[in-house]
Amino acid sequence: MKKRNKIGERIRHTLELDEVIDPRDRIELRGLRELTVNGCARILFYSESEIKLSLKEYVLTIKGEELYCASFYNGAVRVDGQISALNFEGRTRENKDGK
């Protein structure tokens, strides 16, 4: 388990996400058709081409086609569809409410 944590730390550091992504958040992408996100506070925007999720310290934007939220329970969201892009946007003090 320690090795897995070290790999995650290296990935976050390499992608310069150390201060943006909480290591307790978990994001899994299976192929380009299924995304699971743990640590979601709420869904900010929802359409067939874009879904925005509010996480602790950032907003995750998922872009694609025929996107839909297959489930949202207890902070875990599953998005299905043809996923083409993921964008992580850190929040400032002014937009911590998700706007």
Foldseek 3Di string as FASTA:
>chain_A
DVVVVVVVVVVCVVVVNVPQDDPVWDWDDDDQFKIKTAQFPDWDDDDQAWTWTQGQFWIKIWGDGRWDFPDDDPRMTMIGDRTDDIDIGGDDPVCNVPD
